[in-house]
Structure formats: structure tokens, C-alpha cells
Amino acid sequence: MTPTGDRASGARPRIDSRVAHSARVHDYWLGGGNNYAVDRLAGDMVKSVYPGIVESVRANRAFLARAVRFLAADAGITQFLDIGTGFPAGNNTHEVAQAVTPEARVVYVDYDPVVLLHARTLLTSRHAETIDYIDADLRDPAAILERAARTLDFSRPVAIMLIAVMHLIVDADDPSGIVDTLKAAMAPGSYLALSQVAADIETRQVAEGRRRYNALARETQRHRTKEEVARFFNGLHLVEPGLVPVQQWRPATSEEASAKSTMWGGVAEAVR
């Protein structure tokens, strides 16, 4: 895999270890080592008011794997655009997809410079030519689509993955416009898989966790109600079971089904 974009030449990206970043905080919650003291502090401050955050993050990770498996095995998708990928962990999109279809093509997108450094060495595959990494910001979806087209053919079905990233897009950034731009590039038979931190599950604890996180982090979180999240799927056909807490989306085991989360998740098809 060869990263594209402005930092593809190998120049060392700037890393600010004084400010928490979502990808690194999530890495801490998942038990990884790609984080700094400020990330652990932010993660612990959230846990102090919402101890279930770690279980929620893990449930969301399991949702990602199930969604990709459904898309590759049942929907026949062979192209994936995973935006806001974070650090490589178990059951990455390319691992799940290529276990079903070895030639599946995957483009990852993130803007954390630490993720970029690790992407160069960790996101490898027996079919490395089918994987790419774009150093870009979701707030510029047109640039993402342009660069992704080097690897993906948008005239054919593509699965766009927005897993646990939209809560980092505040209203001033026009989240609906961002998602609409991505949807406009989807050929019939494409899919959108999306999960988002809920504003209407464990409301008090999650809201206080957001306040504490925002005080330390680079990003500002914007949690959303089920109704607000559902709007991201406008114009698409939600597959069963619809928009649900992520652990309720086609759980593979009783353990997955019994998990707790504060995230809405769904998968929808472009049928136009």
C-alpha cells in the first residue's frame, strides 16, 4: 500500500502530542499503544462519567466487521472507501473484505499524522496493490473522491464506510452536505455504512463525557439523535434491521447481541 496525497513523499508529518485526537483516544480505549498521555487523560475523563464507553467502542468495532462481511459476502461489494479509519486493529476492513473476496479493493482515509505513519507499515496485504491510504479530511469530500478514484471505480458499486466519524463533524461543517456529496458519487447498488454517537442513549452520561472530551481534544464532538442520524440515509434504502444500536445490527453471537453501546448504526443501499 502506498499512501497518496500531500504527505506521500515520506516527509514526517507534524504530531501534536499536547492535544487529544479521536483516533488515538479510540486506540487507547481498544487497548492499543498508539496514544499519548493527553489521549489517555481524555479517555479516562470520559470513562469517569461513562464507564461503558469501552464496551460501546468495542461494539462499534464489531459492527464494522459485520457490516463489511455482509457487504462483501451478501451484497457482492468488492470496493470499499473507509473514511475516518483510525488505527489498524483486529478485523480491519481490508482483512474482512479480502477474506471473502481476495481481490477486493479498499481505500482508507484519515487525517491524524500518527495514523499516517502507522498506515505506511501496518496496513499491508497479500494483495497490496488493492489497498491505498489517503491523508485527507472528511470535511473535503470532493478531494477524497478524486483521490480515491485512483484505486476505486465509482461507475461500479462501492461501499462508503463512515464508522464512528460523523460525531466529529459539527453543524457548521455541513454534515448533511458532506454525506450528500459522497452519496452523489455512489453508483446504483452501492452502500453507505454509518455509525454515530447517540444523543438519546444514556443521555446524561454521554453528554458529560462529550463536554470533558471537548475540553482536551482537537475535535469538537456533536452527538445526534436517531432521527438526526436517519437523515444521513435519506434517498437510500436501509437494509434490515434498519437504524439500530450497533450491537443490534445482525449480531453474529449472543455475546455481541448482549453488548451495550451508545451508537446508532445502519447500512443502506443506493437503489436509484
C-alpha atoms as a PDB file:
ATOM      1  CA  MET A   1       0.000   0.000   0.000  1.00  0.00           C
ATOM      2  CA  THR A   2       1.299   3.444  -0.932  1.00  0.00           C
ATOM      3  CA  PRO A   3      -0.234   6.495   0.774  1.00  0.00           C
ATOM      4  CA  THR A   4      -1.296   9.248  -1.617  1.00  0.00           C
ATOM      5  CA  GLY A   5      -1.809  12.953  -1.048  1.00  0.00           C
ATOM      6  CA  ASP A   6       0.461  15.752   0.161  1.00  0.00           C
ATOM      7  CA  ARG A   7       2.476  13.660   2.593  1.00  0.00           C
ATOM      8  CA  ALA A   8       3.004  10.631   0.351  1.00  0.00           C
ATOM      9  CA  SER A   9       6.654  11.545  -0.261  1.00  0.00           C
ATOM     10  CA  GLY A  10       7.717  10.245   3.123  1.00  0.00           C
ATOM     11  CA  ALA A  11       8.069  13.606   4.863  1.00  0.00           C
ATOM     12  CA  ARG A  12       7.449  13.221   8.564  1.00  0.00           C
ATOM     13  CA  PRO A  13       4.043  14.715   9.447  1.00  0.00           C
ATOM     14  CA  ARG A  14       3.675  17.069  12.371  1.00  0.00           C
ATOM     15  CA  ILE A  15       2.364  15.406  15.517  1.00  0.00           C
ATOM     16  CA  ASP A  16       0.999  17.479  18.388  1.00  0.00           C
ATOM     17  CA  SER A  17       1.110  15.297  21.494  1.00  0.00           C
ATOM     18  CA  ARG A  18      -0.347  18.115  23.612  1.00  0.00           C
ATOM     19  CA  VAL A  19      -3.858  17.809  22.176  1.00  0.00           C
ATOM     20  CA  ALA A  20      -6.042  14.687  22.281  1.00  0.00           C
ATOM     21  CA  HIS A  21      -7.152  13.211  18.976  1.00  0.00           C
ATOM     22  CA  SER A  22     -10.105  10.922  18.381  1.00  0.00           C
ATOM     23  CA  ALA A  23      -8.160   8.158  16.606  1.00  0.00           C
ATOM     24  CA  ARG A  24      -5.634   7.966  19.426  1.00  0.00           C
ATOM     25  CA  VAL A  25      -8.275   8.103  22.177  1.00  0.00           C
ATOM     26  CA  HIS A  26     -10.139   5.246  20.490  1.00  0.00           C
ATOM     27  CA  ASP A  27      -6.869   3.343  20.232  1.00  0.00           C
ATOM     28  CA  TYR A  28      -6.453   3.757  23.998  1.00  0.00           C
ATOM     29  CA  TRP A  29      -9.976   2.520  24.688  1.00  0.00           C
ATOM     30  CA  LEU A  30      -9.307  -0.511  22.471  1.00  0.00           C
ATOM     31  CA  GLY A  31      -6.132  -1.337  24.407  1.00  0.00           C
ATOM     32  CA  GLY A  32      -3.657  -0.117  21.774  1.00  0.00           C
ATOM     33  CA  GLY A  33      -0.348   1.634  22.263  1.00  0.00           C
ATOM     34  CA  ASN A  34      -0.614   4.389  19.639  1.00  0.00           C
ATOM     35  CA  ASN A  35      -1.573   7.186  22.015  1.00  0.00           C
ATOM     36  CA  TYR A  36      -0.111   9.906  24.209  1.00  0.00           C
ATOM     37  CA  ALA A  37      -0.686  10.990  27.788  1.00  0.00           C
ATOM     38  CA  VAL A  38      -3.244  13.609  26.736  1.00  0.00           C
ATOM     39  CA  ASP A  39      -5.201  10.952  24.807  1.00  0.00           C
ATOM     40  CA  ARG A  40      -5.262   8.685  27.835  1.00  0.00           C
ATOM     41  CA  LEU A  41      -6.329  11.604  30.024  1.00  0.00           C
ATOM     42  CA  ALA A  42      -9.204  12.431  27.676  1.00  0.00           C
ATOM     43  CA  GLY A  43     -10.176   8.770  27.510  1.00  0.00           C
ATOM     44  CA  ASP A  44     -10.132   8.427  31.294  1.00  0.00           C
ATOM     45  CA  MET A  45     -12.175  11.590  31.765  1.00  0.00           C
ATOM     46  CA  VAL A  46     -14.891  10.162  29.524  1.00  0.00           C
ATOM     47  CA  LYS A  47     -14.726   6.800  31.305  1.00  0.00           C
ATOM     48  CA  SER A  48     -15.082   8.514  34.673  1.00  0.00           C
ATOM     49  CA  VAL A  49     -18.610   9.646  33.783  1.00  0.00           C
ATOM     50  CA  TYR A  50     -19.495   6.903  31.297  1.00  0.00           C
ATOM     51  CA  PRO A  51     -17.705   3.660  32.236  1.00  0.00           C
ATOM     52  CA  GLY A  52     -19.458   1.865  29.385  1.00  0.00           C
ATOM     53  CA  ILE A  53     -17.515   3.764  26.716  1.00  0.00           C
ATOM     54  CA  VAL A  54     -15.011   0.938  26.201  1.00  0.00           C
ATOM     55  CA  GLU A  55     -17.775  -1.622  25.651  1.00  0.00           C
ATOM     56  CA  SER A  56     -19.504   0.808  23.298  1.00  0.00           C
ATOM     57  CA  VAL A  57     -16.354   1.333  21.227  1.00  0.00           C
ATOM     58  CA  ARG A  58     -15.779  -2.418  21.012  1.00  0.00           C
ATOM     59  CA  ALA A  59     -19.406  -2.991  19.986  1.00  0.00           C
ATOM     60  CA  ASN A  60     -18.938  -0.445  17.227  1.00  0.00           C
ATOM     61  CA  ARG A  61     -15.797  -2.225  16.049  1.00  0.00           C
ATOM     62  CA  ALA A  62     -17.748  -5.481  15.875  1.00  0.00           C
ATOM     63  CA  PHE A  63     -20.450  -3.667  13.877  1.00  0.00           C
ATOM     64  CA  LEU A  64     -17.807  -2.588  11.364  1.00  0.00           C
ATOM     65  CA  ALA A  65     -16.685  -6.179  10.843  1.00  0.00           C
ATOM     66  CA  ARG A  66     -20.243  -7.477  10.461  1.00  0.00           C
ATOM     67  CA  ALA A  67     -21.166  -4.700   8.047  1.00  0.00           C
ATOM     68  CA  VAL A  68     -18.126  -5.345   5.860  1.00  0.00           C
ATOM     69  CA  ARG A  69     -18.780  -9.090   5.912  1.00  0.00           C
ATOM     70  CA  PHE A  70     -22.393  -8.501   4.841  1.00  0.00           C
ATOM     71  CA  LEU A  71     -21.329  -6.120   2.103  1.00  0.00           C
ATOM     72  CA  ALA A  72     -18.675  -8.458   0.729  1.00  0.00           C
ATOM     73  CA  ALA A  73     -20.440 -11.802   1.164  1.00  0.00           C
ATOM     74  CA  ASP A  74     -24.128 -10.970   0.740  1.00  0.00           C
ATOM     75  CA  ALA A  75     -24.171  -7.745  -1.277  1.00  0.00           C
ATOM     76  CA  GLY A  76     -21.237  -8.666  -3.524  1.00  0.00           C
ATOM     77  CA  ILE A  77     -19.345  -5.428  -2.914  1.00  0.00           C
ATOM     78  CA  THR A  78     -15.690  -5.526  -3.971  1.00  0.00           C
ATOM     79  CA  GLN A  79     -14.779  -1.846  -3.413  1.00  0.00           C
ATOM     80  CA  PHE A  80     -14.662  -0.026  -0.078  1.00  0.00           C
ATOM     81  CA  LEU A  81     -13.986   3.600   0.869  1.00  0.00           C
ATOM     82  CA  ASP A  82     -13.349   3.666   4.632  1.00  0.00           C
ATOM     83  CA  ILE A  83     -13.270   7.276   5.866  1.00  0.00           C
ATOM     84  CA  GLY A  84     -12.031   8.014   9.380  1.00  0.00           C
ATOM     85  CA  THR A  85     -10.391   4.628   9.645  1.00  0.00           C
ATOM     86  CA  GLY A  86      -8.280   5.263  12.762  1.00  0.00           C
ATOM     87  CA  PHE A  87      -5.504   2.878  13.721  1.00  0.00           C
ATOM     88  CA  PRO A  88      -5.273  -0.638  12.329  1.00  0.00           C
ATOM     89  CA  ALA A  89      -6.872  -3.089  14.757  1.00  0.00           C
ATOM     90  CA  GLY A  90      -8.421  -6.521  14.528  1.00  0.00           C
ATOM     91  CA  ASN A  91     -10.841  -7.150  11.649  1.00  0.00           C
ATOM     92  CA  ASN A  92      -9.829  -4.169   9.555  1.00  0.00           C
ATOM     93  CA  THR A  93     -11.986  -3.504   6.517  1.00  0.00           C
ATOM     94  CA  HIS A  94      -9.489  -4.978   4.051  1.00  0.00           C
ATOM     95  CA  GLU A  95      -8.972  -8.087   6.171  1.00  0.00           C
ATOM     96  CA  VAL A  96     -12.687  -8.852   6.415  1.00  0.00           C
ATOM     97  CA  ALA A  97     -13.434  -7.997   2.781  1.00  0.00           C
ATOM     98  CA  GLN A  98     -10.469  -9.862   1.335  1.00  0.00           C
ATOM     99  CA  ALA A  99     -11.244 -12.940   3.405  1.00  0.00           C
ATOM    100  CA  VAL A 100     -14.404 -13.115   1.266  1.00  0.00           C
ATOM    101  CA  THR A 101     -13.054 -11.680  -1.984  1.00  0.00           C
ATOM    102  CA  PRO A 102      -9.242 -11.602  -2.163  1.00  0.00           C
ATOM    103  CA  GLU A 103      -9.251  -9.026  -4.957  1.00  0.00           C
ATOM    104  CA  ALA A 104     -11.451  -6.549  -3.026  1.00  0.00           C
ATOM    105  CA  ARG A 105     -10.097  -3.015  -3.207  1.00  0.00           C
ATOM    106  CA  VAL A 106     -10.026  -0.785  -0.115  1.00  0.00           C
ATOM    107  CA  VAL A 107      -9.129   2.885   0.285  1.00  0.00           C
ATOM    108  CA  TYR A 108      -8.629   4.164   3.817  1.00  0.00           C
ATOM    109  CA  VAL A 109      -8.910   7.855   4.730  1.00  0.00           C
ATOM    110  CA  ASP A 110      -7.798   9.668   7.885  1.00  0.00           C
ATOM    111  CA  TYR A 111      -6.079  12.907   8.816  1.00  0.00           C
ATOM    112  CA  ASP A 112      -4.257  12.050  12.041  1.00  0.00           C
ATOM    113  CA  PRO A 113      -0.487  12.195  11.308  1.00  0.00           C
ATOM    114  CA  VAL A 114       0.155   9.307  13.703  1.00  0.00           C
ATOM    115  CA  VAL A 115      -2.351   7.180  11.772  1.00  0.00           C
ATOM    116  CA  LEU A 116      -0.482   8.109   8.575  1.00  0.00           C
ATOM    117  CA  LEU A 117       2.823   6.913   9.983  1.00  0.00           C
ATOM    118  CA  HIS A 118       1.362   3.580  11.033  1.00  0.00           C
ATOM    119  CA  ALA A 119      -0.622   3.174   7.830  1.00  0.00           C
ATOM    120  CA  ARG A 120       2.619   3.044   5.905  1.00  0.00           C
ATOM    121  CA  THR A 121       3.719  -0.081   7.727  1.00  0.00           C
ATOM    122  CA  LEU A 122       0.673  -1.776   9.248  1.00  0.00           C
ATOM    123  CA  LEU A 123      -1.964  -1.742   6.510  1.00  0.00           C
ATOM    124  CA  THR A 124      -0.379  -4.454   4.389  1.00  0.00           C
ATOM    125  CA  SER A 125      -1.927  -7.234   2.374  1.00  0.00           C
ATOM    126  CA  ARG A 126      -1.017 -10.201   0.231  1.00  0.00           C
ATOM    127  CA  HIS A 127      -2.651  -8.074  -2.470  1.00  0.00           C
ATOM    128  CA  ALA A 128      -1.041  -4.748  -1.540  1.00  0.00           C
ATOM    129  CA  GLU A 129      -1.916  -3.167  -4.876  1.00  0.00           C
ATOM    130  CA  THR A 130      -5.583  -3.311  -3.894  1.00  0.00           C
ATOM    131  CA  ILE A 131      -5.166  -1.114  -0.792  1.00  0.00           C
ATOM    132  CA  ASP A 132      -4.483   2.609  -0.564  1.00  0.00           C
ATOM    133  CA  TYR A 133      -4.405   5.247   2.173  1.00  0.00           C
ATOM    134  CA  ILE A 134      -5.421   8.872   1.650  1.00  0.00           C
ATOM    135  CA  ASP A 135      -4.266  11.547   4.084  1.00  0.00           C
ATOM    136  CA  ALA A 136      -7.347  13.776   3.940  1.00  0.00           C
ATOM    137  CA  ASP A 137     -10.152  15.363   5.946  1.00  0.00           C
ATOM    138  CA  LEU A 138     -13.789  14.269   5.684  1.00  0.00           C
ATOM    139  CA  ARG A 139     -14.699  17.953   5.529  1.00  0.00           C
ATOM    140  CA  ASP A 140     -13.369  17.926   1.948  1.00  0.00           C
ATOM    141  CA  PRO A 141     -15.308  15.011   0.436  1.00  0.00           C
ATOM    142  CA  ALA A 142     -14.691  16.102  -3.170  1.00  0.00           C
ATOM    143  CA  ALA A 143     -10.927  15.775  -2.684  1.00  0.00           C
ATOM    144  CA  ILE A 144     -11.387  12.352  -1.092  1.00  0.00           C
ATOM    145  CA  LEU A 145     -13.475  11.129  -4.007  1.00  0.00           C
ATOM    146  CA  GLU A 146     -10.989  12.459  -6.535  1.00  0.00           C
ATOM    147  CA  ARG A 147      -8.049  10.689  -4.890  1.00  0.00           C
ATOM    148  CA  ALA A 148      -9.996   7.507  -4.185  1.00  0.00           C
ATOM    149  CA  ALA A 149     -10.805   7.231  -7.897  1.00  0.00           C
ATOM    150  CA  ARG A 150      -7.171   6.259  -8.455  1.00  0.00           C
ATOM    151  CA  THR A 151      -7.970   2.930  -6.820  1.00  0.00           C
ATOM    152  CA  LEU A 152     -11.770   2.618  -6.954  1.00  0.00           C
ATOM    153  CA  ASP A 153     -14.089   2.650  -9.962  1.00  0.00           C
ATOM    154  CA  PHE A 154     -17.082   4.776  -8.963  1.00  0.00           C
ATOM    155  CA  SER A 155     -19.003   3.693 -12.046  1.00  0.00           C
ATOM    156  CA  ARG A 156     -19.434   0.381 -10.215  1.00  0.00           C
ATOM    157  CA  PRO A 157     -20.846  -0.271  -6.710  1.00  0.00           C
ATOM    158  CA  VAL A 158     -18.746   0.985  -3.809  1.00  0.00           C
ATOM    159  CA  ALA A 159     -19.343   0.730  -0.066  1.00  0.00           C
ATOM    160  CA  ILE A 160     -18.671   4.009   1.714  1.00  0.00           C
ATOM    161  CA  MET A 161     -17.872   3.443   5.392  1.00  0.00           C
ATOM    162  CA  LEU A 162     -18.457   6.308   7.851  1.00  0.00           C
ATOM    163  CA  ILE A 163     -17.919   4.399  11.062  1.00  0.00           C
ATOM    164  CA  ALA A 164     -17.757   6.480  14.266  1.00  0.00           C
ATOM    165  CA  VAL A 165     -16.652   9.604  12.446  1.00  0.00           C
ATOM    166  CA  MET A 166     -19.721  11.811  11.848  1.00  0.00           C
ATOM    167  CA  HIS A 167     -19.894  12.842  15.503  1.00  0.00           C
ATOM    168  CA  LEU A 168     -16.659  14.754  14.813  1.00  0.00           C
ATOM    169  CA  ILE A 169     -18.411  16.841  12.146  1.00  0.00           C
ATOM    170  CA  VAL A 170     -20.239  19.764  13.751  1.00  0.00           C
ATOM    171  CA  ASP A 171     -23.223  21.509  12.210  1.00  0.00           C
ATOM    172  CA  ALA A 172     -21.086  24.411  10.928  1.00  0.00           C
ATOM    173  CA  ASP A 173     -19.207  21.913   8.744  1.00  0.00           C
ATOM    174  CA  ASP A 174     -22.440  20.971   6.919  1.00  0.00           C
ATOM    175  CA  PRO A 175     -22.535  17.255   7.760  1.00  0.00           C
ATOM    176  CA  SER A 176     -25.549  16.614   5.534  1.00  0.00           C
ATOM    177  CA  GLY A 177     -23.800  18.289   2.618  1.00  0.00           C
ATOM    178  CA  ILE A 178     -20.705  16.147   3.185  1.00  0.00           C
ATOM    179  CA  VAL A 179     -22.699  12.924   3.178  1.00  0.00           C
ATOM    180  CA  ASP A 180     -24.764  14.075   0.192  1.00  0.00           C
ATOM    181  CA  THR A 181     -21.561  14.678  -1.796  1.00  0.00           C
ATOM    182  CA  LEU A 182     -20.416  11.145  -1.040  1.00  0.00           C
ATOM    183  CA  LYS A 183     -23.831   9.680  -1.861  1.00  0.00           C
ATOM    184  CA  ALA A 184     -23.897  11.523  -5.191  1.00  0.00           C
ATOM    185  CA  ALA A 185     -20.805   9.542  -6.234  1.00  0.00           C
ATOM    186  CA  MET A 186     -22.456   6.180  -5.471  1.00  0.00           C
ATOM    187  CA  ALA A 187     -23.485   4.074  -8.461  1.00  0.00           C
ATOM    188  CA  PRO A 188     -26.694   2.037  -8.111  1.00  0.00           C
ATOM    189  CA  GLY A 189     -26.002  -0.987  -5.942  1.00  0.00           C
ATOM    190  CA  SER A 190     -23.566   0.956  -3.756  1.00  0.00           C
ATOM    191  CA  TYR A 191     -23.957   1.080   0.012  1.00  0.00           C
ATOM    192  CA  LEU A 192     -23.446   3.513   2.872  1.00  0.00           C
ATOM    193  CA  ALA A 193     -22.482   2.043   6.257  1.00  0.00           C
ATOM    194  CA  LEU A 194     -22.572   4.615   9.054  1.00  0.00           C
ATOM    195  CA  SER A 195     -22.411   4.708  12.830  1.00  0.00           C
ATOM    196  CA  GLN A 196     -22.679   7.790  15.021  1.00  0.00           C
ATOM    197  CA  VAL A 197     -22.526   8.529  18.754  1.00  0.00           C
ATOM    198  CA  ALA A 198     -26.077   8.932  20.035  1.00  0.00           C
ATOM    199  CA  ALA A 199     -27.502  11.948  21.817  1.00  0.00           C
ATOM    200  CA  ASP A 200     -30.515   9.978  23.015  1.00  0.00           C
ATOM    201  CA  ILE A 201     -28.962   6.866  24.618  1.00  0.00           C
ATOM    202  CA  GLU A 202     -27.506   7.174  28.144  1.00  0.00           C
ATOM    203  CA  THR A 203     -28.108  10.857  27.563  1.00  0.00           C
ATOM    204  CA  ARG A 204     -26.719  12.420  30.731  1.00  0.00           C
ATOM    205  CA  GLN A 205     -23.533  10.360  30.950  1.00  0.00           C
ATOM    206  CA  VAL A 206     -22.710  10.686  27.262  1.00  0.00           C
ATOM    207  CA  ALA A 207     -23.311  14.443  27.259  1.00  0.00           C
ATOM    208  CA  GLU A 208     -20.961  14.946  30.210  1.00  0.00           C
ATOM    209  CA  GLY A 209     -18.378  12.694  28.561  1.00  0.00           C
ATOM    210  CA  ARG A 210     -18.604  14.841  25.444  1.00  0.00           C
ATOM    211  CA  ARG A 211     -18.092  18.014  27.477  1.00  0.00           C
ATOM    212  CA  ARG A 212     -14.973  16.621  29.135  1.00  0.00           C
ATOM    213  CA  TYR A 213     -13.600  15.262  25.865  1.00  0.00           C
ATOM    214  CA  ASN A 214     -14.125  18.568  24.042  1.00  0.00           C
ATOM    215  CA  ALA A 215     -12.077  20.378  26.682  1.00  0.00           C
ATOM    216  CA  LEU A 216      -8.949  18.387  25.762  1.00  0.00           C
ATOM    217  CA  ALA A 217      -9.364  17.345  22.139  1.00  0.00           C
ATOM    218  CA  ARG A 218      -8.593  18.788  18.752  1.00  0.00           C
ATOM    219  CA  GLU A 219     -12.096  17.979  17.533  1.00  0.00           C
ATOM    220  CA  THR A 220     -15.455  19.053  18.913  1.00  0.00           C
ATOM    221  CA  GLN A 221     -17.981  16.252  19.196  1.00  0.00           C
ATOM    222  CA  ARG A 222     -21.562  16.614  18.004  1.00  0.00           C
ATOM    223  CA  HIS A 223     -23.759  13.734  19.152  1.00  0.00           C
ATOM    224  CA  ARG A 224     -27.045  13.120  17.313  1.00  0.00           C
ATOM    225  CA  THR A 225     -30.464  11.626  17.943  1.00  0.00           C
ATOM    226  CA  LYS A 226     -31.736   8.635  15.998  1.00  0.00           C
ATOM    227  CA  GLU A 227     -33.879  10.949  13.875  1.00  0.00           C
ATOM    228  CA  GLU A 228     -30.859  13.115  13.033  1.00  0.00           C
ATOM    229  CA  VAL A 229     -28.723  10.108  12.126  1.00  0.00           C
ATOM    230  CA  ALA A 230     -31.518   8.698   9.960  1.00  0.00           C
ATOM    231  CA  ARG A 231     -31.335  11.805   7.755  1.00  0.00           C
ATOM    232  CA  PHE A 232     -27.861  10.796   6.586  1.00  0.00           C
ATOM    233  CA  PHE A 233     -29.543   7.842   4.866  1.00  0.00           C
ATOM    234  CA  ASN A 234     -32.119   9.953   3.008  1.00  0.00           C
ATOM    235  CA  GLY A 235     -32.537   8.707  -0.551  1.00  0.00           C
ATOM    236  CA  LEU A 236     -31.136   5.275   0.284  1.00  0.00           C
ATOM    237  CA  HIS A 237     -32.828   2.010   1.238  1.00  0.00           C
ATOM    238  CA  LEU A 238     -31.936   0.846   4.744  1.00  0.00           C
ATOM    239  CA  VAL A 239     -31.370  -2.894   4.894  1.00  0.00           C
ATOM    240  CA  GLU A 240     -32.760  -4.896   7.799  1.00  0.00           C
ATOM    241  CA  PRO A 241     -32.815  -4.324  10.719  1.00  0.00           C
ATOM    242  CA  GLY A 242     -32.643  -0.636   9.850  1.00  0.00           C
ATOM    243  CA  LEU A 243     -31.061   2.024  12.051  1.00  0.00           C
ATOM    244  CA  VAL A 244     -30.430   0.456  15.464  1.00  0.00           C
ATOM    245  CA  PRO A 245     -27.913   0.473  18.308  1.00  0.00           C
ATOM    246  CA  VAL A 246     -24.826  -1.041  16.697  1.00  0.00           C
ATOM    247  CA  GLN A 247     -24.902  -4.226  18.770  1.00  0.00           C
ATOM    248  CA  GLN A 248     -28.390  -4.968  17.408  1.00  0.00           C
ATOM    249  CA  TRP A 249     -27.291  -4.837  13.763  1.00  0.00           C
ATOM    250  CA  ARG A 250     -27.158  -8.516  12.733  1.00  0.00           C
ATOM    251  CA  PRO A 251     -25.156  -9.749  15.749  1.00  0.00           C
ATOM    252  CA  ALA A 252     -23.150 -12.867  15.000  1.00  0.00           C
ATOM    253  CA  THR A 253     -23.106 -14.195  18.567  1.00  0.00           C
ATOM    254  CA  SER A 254     -25.142 -13.860  21.741  1.00  0.00           C
ATOM    255  CA  GLU A 255     -22.192 -12.007  23.252  1.00  0.00           C
ATOM    256  CA  GLU A 256     -22.326  -9.370  20.503  1.00  0.00           C
ATOM    257  CA  ALA A 257     -26.102  -9.077  20.871  1.00  0.00           C
ATOM    258  CA  SER A 258     -25.879  -8.519  24.628  1.00  0.00           C
ATOM    259  CA  ALA A 259     -23.250  -5.780  24.398  1.00  0.00           C
ATOM    260  CA  LYS A 260     -24.152  -2.213  25.279  1.00  0.00           C
ATOM    261  CA  SER A 261     -23.389   0.835  23.178  1.00  0.00           C
ATOM    262  CA  THR A 262     -24.323   4.465  22.753  1.00  0.00           C
ATOM    263  CA  MET A 263     -24.069   4.435  18.967  1.00  0.00           C
ATOM    264  CA  TRP A 264     -26.616   4.257  16.196  1.00  0.00           C
ATOM    265  CA  GLY A 265     -25.655   2.209  13.157  1.00  0.00           C
ATOM    266  CA  GLY A 266     -27.088   1.197   9.825  1.00  0.00           C
ATOM    267  CA  VAL A 267     -26.329   0.085   6.292  1.00  0.00           C
ATOM    268  CA  ALA A 268     -28.265   1.357   3.270  1.00  0.00           C
ATOM    269  CA  GLU A 269     -28.263   0.724  -0.467  1.00  0.00           C
ATOM    270  CA  ALA A 270     -28.355   3.208  -3.326  1.00  0.00           C
ATOM    271  CA  VAL A 271     -31.205   1.903  -5.477  1.00  0.00           C
ATOM    272  CA  ARG A 272     -31.698   4.777  -7.930  1.00  0.00           C
END
